[in-house]
Amino acid sequence: MKKNLSKADREYRRKLKRMSIFYVVAIIFMLACSGILLIGINRYVLKINDRALGFLLGLFISLTTIFVINIFRNRRTMNDPEKLKQHRITHTDERNIEIGSRAMYFTTYVMIFVLVILAMIGSFVSQQLMYTASGLMNVFLISYLIFYFYFKKKL
């Protein structure tokens, strides 16, 4: 089956395979986090309230489920040459890439606006809220600058 694929399809198949490996690593990480959380609560009397425990376990379980679904979807796509070609064309289409890029661009502006408002309101309500919002803005700015200069050199 691999020999019948075009070069672009073979490369895209390798990309899907790498993504599946990443998903397996992420699943192992999520399960380890869940295990550490549960062992910490049961054996070492980790003090965490029920709401936070429910949130964290729900987050770990839902992310694990999403990764498992993506692994099965990738396997099904990799095993069917027609689906692989269709999937590759859909995900490498310049129009779809531009739509995703613009959506991310505007989402970034909305996120920064919300964080600024949250920091301003948080300064009146809670010092922790203000520090959290300000810290997230700083992480965003630092990561933006790092990637900007990285891609400026690379591209």
Protein backbone atom coordinates (compact mmCIF):
# COMPACT_ATOMS: atom_id res chain seq x y z
CA MET A 1 0.00 0.00 0.00
CA LYS A 2 2.81 2.44 0.86
CA LYS A 3 4.41 1.92 -2.55
CA ASN A 4 1.22 3.00 -4.36
CA LEU A 5 1.17 6.38 -2.63
CA SER A 6 2.54 9.54 -4.17
CA LYS A 7 5.52 11.21 -2.55
CA ALA A 8 3.31 13.90 -1.02
CA ASP A 9 0.96 11.27 0.40
CA ARG A 10 3.88 9.27 1.84
CA GLU A 11 5.24 12.39 3.52
CA TYR A 12 1.82 13.27 4.89
CA ARG A 13 1.44 9.68 6.14
CA ARG A 14 4.75 10.04 7.99
CA LYS A 15 3.49 13.30 9.48
CA LEU A 16 0.32 11.58 10.71
CA LYS A 17 2.43 8.78 12.15
CA ARG A 18 4.58 11.29 14.07
CA MET A 19 1.43 12.97 15.35
CA SER A 20 0.13 9.61 16.54
CA ILE A 21 3.38 9.04 18.44
CA PHE A 22 2.99 12.48 20.01
CA TYR A 23 -0.57 11.56 21.00
CA VAL A 24 0.62 8.33 22.65
CA VAL A 25 3.23 10.28 24.64
CA ALA A 26 0.56 12.82 25.63
CA ILE A 27 -1.77 10.01 26.73
CA ILE A 28 0.97 8.50 28.89
CA PHE A 29 1.62 11.93 30.40
CA MET A 30 -2.10 12.51 31.13
CA LEU A 31 -2.43 9.08 32.72
CA ALA A 32 0.70 9.69 34.81
CA CYS A 33 -0.69 13.04 35.97
CA SER A 34 -3.98 11.38 36.91
CA GLY A 35 -2.13 8.63 38.75
CA ILE A 36 0.06 11.07 40.64
CA LEU A 37 -3.00 13.09 41.60
CA LEU A 38 -4.92 10.06 42.85
CA ILE A 39 -1.93 8.56 44.67
CA GLY A 40 -1.16 11.93 46.23
CA ILE A 41 -4.70 12.22 47.55
CA ASN A 42 -5.00 8.63 48.81
CA ARG A 43 -1.51 7.87 50.15
CA TYR A 44 0.13 11.16 50.95
CA VAL A 45 -2.94 13.09 52.07
CA LEU A 46 -2.56 15.76 49.42
CA LYS A 47 -4.83 18.62 50.38
CA ILE A 48 -6.91 19.55 47.35
CA ASN A 49 -10.58 20.45 47.34
CA ASP A 50 -13.13 18.28 45.56
CA ARG A 51 -13.86 20.90 42.93
CA ALA A 52 -10.19 21.16 41.88
CA LEU A 53 -9.88 17.36 41.93
CA GLY A 54 -12.93 16.98 39.70
CA PHE A 55 -11.67 19.66 37.34
CA LEU A 56 -8.20 18.14 37.01
CA LEU A 57 -9.42 14.57 36.57
CA GLY A 58 -12.01 15.74 34.04
CA LEU A 59 -9.33 17.66 32.16
CA PHE A 60 -6.95 14.70 32.10
CA ILE A 61 -9.66 12.24 31.07
CA SER A 62 -11.11 14.47 28.36
CA LEU A 63 -7.68 15.21 26.87
CA THR A 64 -6.83 11.51 26.94
CA THR A 65 -10.12 10.74 25.16
CA ILE A 66 -9.42 13.37 22.50
CA PHE A 67 -5.93 11.98 21.90
CA VAL A 68 -7.26 8.40 21.64
CA ILE A 69 -9.89 9.52 19.11
CA ASN A 70 -7.19 11.31 17.09
CA ILE A 71 -5.01 8.19 17.09
CA PHE A 72 -7.87 6.07 15.71
CA ARG A 73 -8.74 8.75 13.17
CA ASN A 74 -5.11 8.97 12.02
CA ARG A 75 -4.83 5.18 11.74
CA ARG A 76 -8.01 4.99 9.70
CA THR A 77 -6.76 7.79 7.45
CA MET A 78 -3.29 6.26 7.05
CA ASN A 79 -4.72 2.86 6.07
CA ASP A 80 -7.00 4.19 3.33
CA PRO A 81 -5.09 5.79 0.40
CA GLU A 82 -8.13 7.71 -0.81
CA LYS A 83 -8.85 9.18 2.63
CA LEU A 84 -5.17 9.97 3.06
CA LYS A 85 -5.10 11.93 -0.19
CA GLN A 86 -8.32 13.76 0.65
CA HIS A 87 -7.12 14.54 4.18
CA ARG A 88 -3.76 15.80 2.88
CA ILE A 89 -5.39 18.04 0.30
CA THR A 90 -7.81 19.45 2.86
CA HIS A 91 -5.12 20.16 5.46
CA THR A 92 -2.51 21.56 3.07
CA ASP A 93 -4.89 23.71 1.02
CA GLU A 94 -3.70 27.33 1.06
CA ARG A 95 -7.22 28.66 1.55
CA ASN A 96 -7.78 26.51 4.64
CA ILE A 97 -4.38 27.48 6.00
CA GLU A 98 -5.21 31.17 5.48
CA ILE A 99 -8.60 30.76 7.19
CA GLY A 100 -6.91 29.13 10.19
CA SER A 101 -4.22 31.80 10.25
CA ARG A 102 -6.72 34.66 10.24
CA ALA A 103 -8.90 32.99 12.85
CA MET A 104 -5.85 32.61 15.09
CA TYR A 105 -4.85 36.22 14.42
CA PHE A 106 -8.20 37.62 15.54
CA THR A 107 -8.49 35.16 18.41
CA THR A 108 -5.13 36.40 19.67
CA TYR A 109 -6.39 39.99 19.70
CA VAL A 110 -9.53 38.96 21.57
CA MET A 111 -7.47 37.01 24.10
CA ILE A 112 -5.12 39.94 24.74
CA PHE A 113 -8.09 42.31 25.07
CA VAL A 114 -9.76 40.00 27.58
CA LEU A 115 -6.53 39.64 29.56
CA VAL A 116 -6.08 43.43 29.69
CA ILE A 117 -9.66 43.89 30.90
CA LEU A 118 -9.20 41.06 33.40
CA ALA A 119 -5.99 42.64 34.73
CA MET A 120 -7.68 46.03 35.06
CA ILE A 121 -10.77 44.66 36.80
CA GLY A 122 -8.65 42.19 38.73
CA SER A 123 -6.60 45.01 40.20
CA PHE A 124 -9.75 46.20 41.98
CA VAL A 125 -11.10 42.76 42.91
CA SER A 126 -8.19 40.44 43.60
CA GLN A 127 -4.46 40.83 43.53
CA GLN A 128 -4.06 37.18 42.45
CA LEU A 129 -6.38 37.72 39.50
CA MET A 130 -4.36 40.75 38.41
CA TYR A 131 -1.07 38.85 38.71
CA THR A 132 -2.46 35.88 36.81
CA ALA A 133 -3.72 38.01 33.92
CA SER A 134 -0.51 40.06 33.85
CA GLY A 135 1.59 36.90 33.95
CA LEU A 136 -0.34 35.42 31.04
CA MET A 137 0.18 38.61 29.02
CA ASN A 138 3.90 38.47 29.79
CA VAL A 139 4.10 34.80 28.75
CA PHE A 140 2.31 35.70 25.53
CA LEU A 141 4.61 38.64 24.81
CA ILE A 142 7.81 36.72 25.57
CA SER A 143 6.74 33.71 23.49
CA TYR A 144 5.71 36.02 20.64
CA LEU A 145 9.09 37.73 20.64
CA ILE A 146 10.97 34.42 20.79
CA PHE A 147 9.06 32.95 17.87
CA TYR A 148 9.12 36.20 15.91
CA PHE A 149 12.91 36.37 15.97
CA TYR A 150 13.23 32.61 15.44
CA PHE A 151 11.07 32.65 12.31
CA LYS A 152 12.62 35.92 11.13
CA LYS A 153 15.99 34.14 11.01
CA LYS A 154 14.62 30.86 9.71
CA LEU A 155 12.33 32.19 6.95
